[in-house]
């Protein structure tokens, strides 16, 4: 898998959260997680 695939999976996981606020919280974490992955 490449970084794009990982970002898409993280976005999909965020979308699967039932609560809208939880979805937002998960989405806000994606850039930080990707930064750690790419460094």
PDB file of N, CA and C in Angstrom:
ATOM      1  N   UNK A   1       0.832  -1.190   0.000  1.00  0.00           N
ATOM      2  CA  UNK A   1       0.000   0.000   0.000  1.00  0.00           C
ATOM      3  C   UNK A   1       0.874   1.250   0.000  1.00  0.00           C
ATOM      4  N   UNK A   2       0.347   2.314  -0.571  1.00  0.00           N
ATOM      5  CA  UNK A   2       1.083   3.564  -0.539  1.00  0.00           C
ATOM      6  C   UNK A   2       0.360   4.567   0.373  1.00  0.00           C
ATOM      7  N   UNK A   3       0.930   5.749   0.515  1.00  0.00           N
ATOM      8  CA  UNK A   3       0.379   6.751   1.429  1.00  0.00           C
ATOM      9  C   UNK A   3      -1.043   7.149   1.040  1.00  0.00           C
ATOM     10  N   UNK A   4      -1.322   7.230  -0.258  1.00  0.00           N
ATOM     11  CA  UNK A   4      -2.674   7.578  -0.691  1.00  0.00           C
ATOM     12  C   UNK A   4      -3.676   6.529  -0.219  1.00  0.00           C
ATOM     13  N   UNK A   5      -3.324   5.263  -0.381  1.00  0.00           N
ATOM     14  CA  UNK A   5      -4.205   4.181   0.070  1.00  0.00           C
ATOM     15  C   UNK A   5      -4.484   4.293   1.566  1.00  0.00           C
ATOM     16  N   UNK A   6      -3.439   4.549   2.330  1.00  0.00           N
ATOM     17  CA  UNK A   6      -3.596   4.665   3.784  1.00  0.00           C
ATOM     18  C   UNK A   6      -4.511   5.836   4.125  1.00  0.00           C
ATOM     19  N   UNK A   7      -4.326   6.974   3.452  1.00  0.00           N
ATOM     20  CA  UNK A   7      -5.176   8.136   3.739  1.00  0.00           C
ATOM     21  C   UNK A   7      -6.635   7.848   3.400  1.00  0.00           C
ATOM     22  N   UNK A   8      -6.867   7.112   2.323  1.00  0.00           N
ATOM     23  CA  UNK A   8      -8.236   6.756   1.945  1.00  0.00           C
ATOM     24  C   UNK A   8      -8.871   5.812   2.965  1.00  0.00           C
ATOM     25  N   UNK A   9      -8.096   4.873   3.456  1.00  0.00           N
ATOM     26  CA  UNK A   9      -8.598   3.949   4.475  1.00  0.00           C
ATOM     27  C   UNK A   9      -8.946   4.707   5.751  1.00  0.00           C
ATOM     28  N   UNK A  10      -8.070   5.628   6.156  1.00  0.00           N
ATOM     29  CA  UNK A  10      -8.347   6.422   7.361  1.00  0.00           C
ATOM     30  C   UNK A  10      -9.610   7.263   7.183  1.00  0.00           C
ATOM     31  N   UNK A  11      -9.793   7.849   6.006  1.00  0.00           N
ATOM     32  CA  UNK A  11     -10.997   8.643   5.739  1.00  0.00           C
ATOM     33  C   UNK A  11     -12.239   7.759   5.777  1.00  0.00           C
ATOM     34  N   UNK A  12     -12.137   6.556   5.232  1.00  0.00           N
ATOM     35  CA  UNK A  12     -13.271   5.625   5.252  1.00  0.00           C
ATOM     36  C   UNK A  12     -13.611   5.243   6.690  1.00  0.00           C
ATOM     37  N   UNK A  13     -12.582   4.955   7.488  1.00  0.00           N
ATOM     38  CA  UNK A  13     -12.818   4.613   8.893  1.00  0.00           C
ATOM     39  C   UNK A  13     -13.491   5.766   9.630  1.00  0.00           C
ATOM     40  N   UNK A  14     -13.065   6.981   9.354  1.00  0.00           N
ATOM     41  CA  UNK A  14     -13.680   8.154   9.987  1.00  0.00           C
ATOM     42  C   UNK A  14     -15.149   8.256   9.597  1.00  0.00           C
ATOM     43  N   UNK A  15     -15.440   8.015   8.325  1.00  0.00           N
ATOM     44  CA  UNK A  15     -16.818   8.110   7.831  1.00  0.00           C
ATOM     45  C   UNK A  15     -17.728   7.069   8.473  1.00  0.00           C
ATOM     46  N   UNK A  16     -17.160   5.952   8.874  1.00  0.00           N
ATOM     47  CA  UNK A  16     -17.945   4.864   9.453  1.00  0.00           C
ATOM     48  C   UNK A  16     -18.378   5.119  10.898  1.00  0.00           C
ATOM     49  N   UNK A  17     -17.840   6.157  11.526  1.00  0.00           N
ATOM     50  CA  UNK A  17     -18.266   6.495  12.898  1.00  0.00           C
ATOM     51  C   UNK A  17     -19.723   6.914  12.851  1.00  0.00           C
ATOM     52  N   UNK A  18     -20.501   6.466  13.807  1.00  0.00           N
ATOM     53  CA  UNK A  18     -21.938   6.747  13.809  1.00  0.00           C
ATOM     54  C   UNK A  18     -22.245   8.194  14.183  1.00  0.00           C
ATOM     55  N   UNK A  19     -21.495   8.729  15.116  1.00  0.00           N
ATOM     56  CA  UNK A  19     -21.722  10.088  15.603  1.00  0.00           C
ATOM     57  C   UNK A  19     -20.966  11.089  14.724  1.00  0.00           C
ATOM     58  N   UNK A  20     -21.661  12.155  14.305  1.00  0.00           N
ATOM     59  CA  UNK A  20     -21.049  13.135  13.410  1.00  0.00           C
ATOM     60  C   UNK A  20     -19.835  13.809  14.044  1.00  0.00           C
ATOM     61  N   UNK A  21     -19.931  14.163  15.319  1.00  0.00           N
ATOM     62  CA  UNK A  21     -18.801  14.803  16.000  1.00  0.00           C
ATOM     63  C   UNK A  21     -17.595  13.861  16.046  1.00  0.00           C
ATOM     64  N   UNK A  22     -17.865  12.587  16.264  1.00  0.00           N
ATOM     65  CA  UNK A  22     -16.783  11.604  16.271  1.00  0.00           C
ATOM     66  C   UNK A  22     -16.143  11.498  14.886  1.00  0.00           C
ATOM     67  N   UNK A  23     -16.968  11.577  13.836  1.00  0.00           N
ATOM     68  CA  UNK A  23     -16.434  11.576  12.472  1.00  0.00           C
ATOM     69  C   UNK A  23     -15.475  12.739  12.277  1.00  0.00           C
ATOM     70  N   UNK A  24     -15.869  13.927  12.737  1.00  0.00           N
ATOM     71  CA  UNK A  24     -15.011  15.105  12.610  1.00  0.00           C
ATOM     72  C   UNK A  24     -13.709  14.928  13.380  1.00  0.00           C
ATOM     73  N   UNK A  25     -13.816  14.403  14.592  1.00  0.00           N
ATOM     74  CA  UNK A  25     -12.620  14.180  15.405  1.00  0.00           C
ATOM     75  C   UNK A  25     -11.650  13.236  14.702  1.00  0.00           C
ATOM     76  N   UNK A  26     -12.178  12.168  14.136  1.00  0.00           N
ATOM     77  CA  UNK A  26     -11.323  11.202  13.436  1.00  0.00           C
ATOM     78  C   UNK A  26     -10.684  11.857  12.212  1.00  0.00           C
ATOM     79  N   UNK A  27     -11.478  12.622  11.456  1.00  0.00           N
ATOM     80  CA  UNK A  27     -10.944  13.271  10.248  1.00  0.00           C
ATOM     81  C   UNK A  27      -9.841  14.265  10.586  1.00  0.00           C
ATOM     82  N   UNK A  28      -9.989  14.959  11.702  1.00  0.00           N
ATOM     83  CA  UNK A  28      -8.982  15.946  12.098  1.00  0.00           C
ATOM     84  C   UNK A  28      -7.657  15.281  12.458  1.00  0.00           C
ATOM     85  N   UNK A  29      -7.689  14.023  12.817  1.00  0.00           N
ATOM     86  CA  UNK A  29      -6.468  13.308  13.189  1.00  0.00           C
ATOM     87  C   UNK A  29      -5.700  12.774  11.974  1.00  0.00           C
ATOM     88  N   UNK A  30      -6.350  12.694  10.837  1.00  0.00           N
ATOM     89  CA  UNK A  30      -5.726  12.093   9.652  1.00  0.00           C
ATOM     90  C   UNK A  30      -4.433  12.806   9.241  1.00  0.00           C
ATOM     91  N   UNK A  31      -4.405  14.145   9.129  1.00  0.00           N
ATOM     92  CA  UNK A  31      -3.144  14.785   8.709  1.00  0.00           C
ATOM     93  C   UNK A  31      -1.965  14.469   9.636  1.00  0.00           C
ATOM     94  N   UNK A  32      -2.191  14.475  10.929  1.00  0.00           N
ATOM     95  CA  UNK A  32      -1.120  14.159  11.872  1.00  0.00           C
ATOM     96  C   UNK A  32      -0.634  12.727  11.740  1.00  0.00           C
ATOM     97  N   UNK A  33      -1.567  11.814  11.539  1.00  0.00           N
ATOM     98  CA  UNK A  33      -1.192  10.407  11.354  1.00  0.00           C
ATOM     99  C   UNK A  33      -0.394  10.219  10.067  1.00  0.00           C
ATOM    100  N   UNK A  34      -0.829  10.899   9.010  1.00  0.00           N
ATOM    101  CA  UNK A  34      -0.118  10.784   7.739  1.00  0.00           C
ATOM    102  C   UNK A  34       1.280  11.393   7.840  1.00  0.00           C
ATOM    103  N   UNK A  35       1.388  12.498   8.553  1.00  0.00           N
ATOM    104  CA  UNK A  35       2.702  13.133   8.726  1.00  0.00           C
ATOM    105  C   UNK A  35       3.667  12.180   9.429  1.00  0.00           C
ATOM    106  N   UNK A  36       3.176  11.509  10.478  1.00  0.00           N
ATOM    107  CA  UNK A  36       4.013  10.540  11.189  1.00  0.00           C
ATOM    108  C   UNK A  36       4.405   9.381  10.276  1.00  0.00           C
ATOM    109  N   UNK A  37       3.480   8.939   9.462  1.00  0.00           N
ATOM    110  CA  UNK A  37       3.754   7.828   8.550  1.00  0.00           C
ATOM    111  C   UNK A  37       4.821   8.196   7.523  1.00  0.00           C
ATOM    112  N   UNK A  38       4.756   9.420   7.028  1.00  0.00           N
ATOM    113  CA  UNK A  38       5.650   9.835   5.944  1.00  0.00           C
ATOM    114  C   UNK A  38       7.019  10.303   6.432  1.00  0.00           C
ATOM    115  N   UNK A  39       7.167  10.511   7.725  1.00  0.00           N
ATOM    116  CA  UNK A  39       8.466  10.954   8.268  1.00  0.00           C
ATOM    117  C   UNK A  39       9.315   9.786   8.692  1.00  0.00           C
TER     118      UNK A  39
END
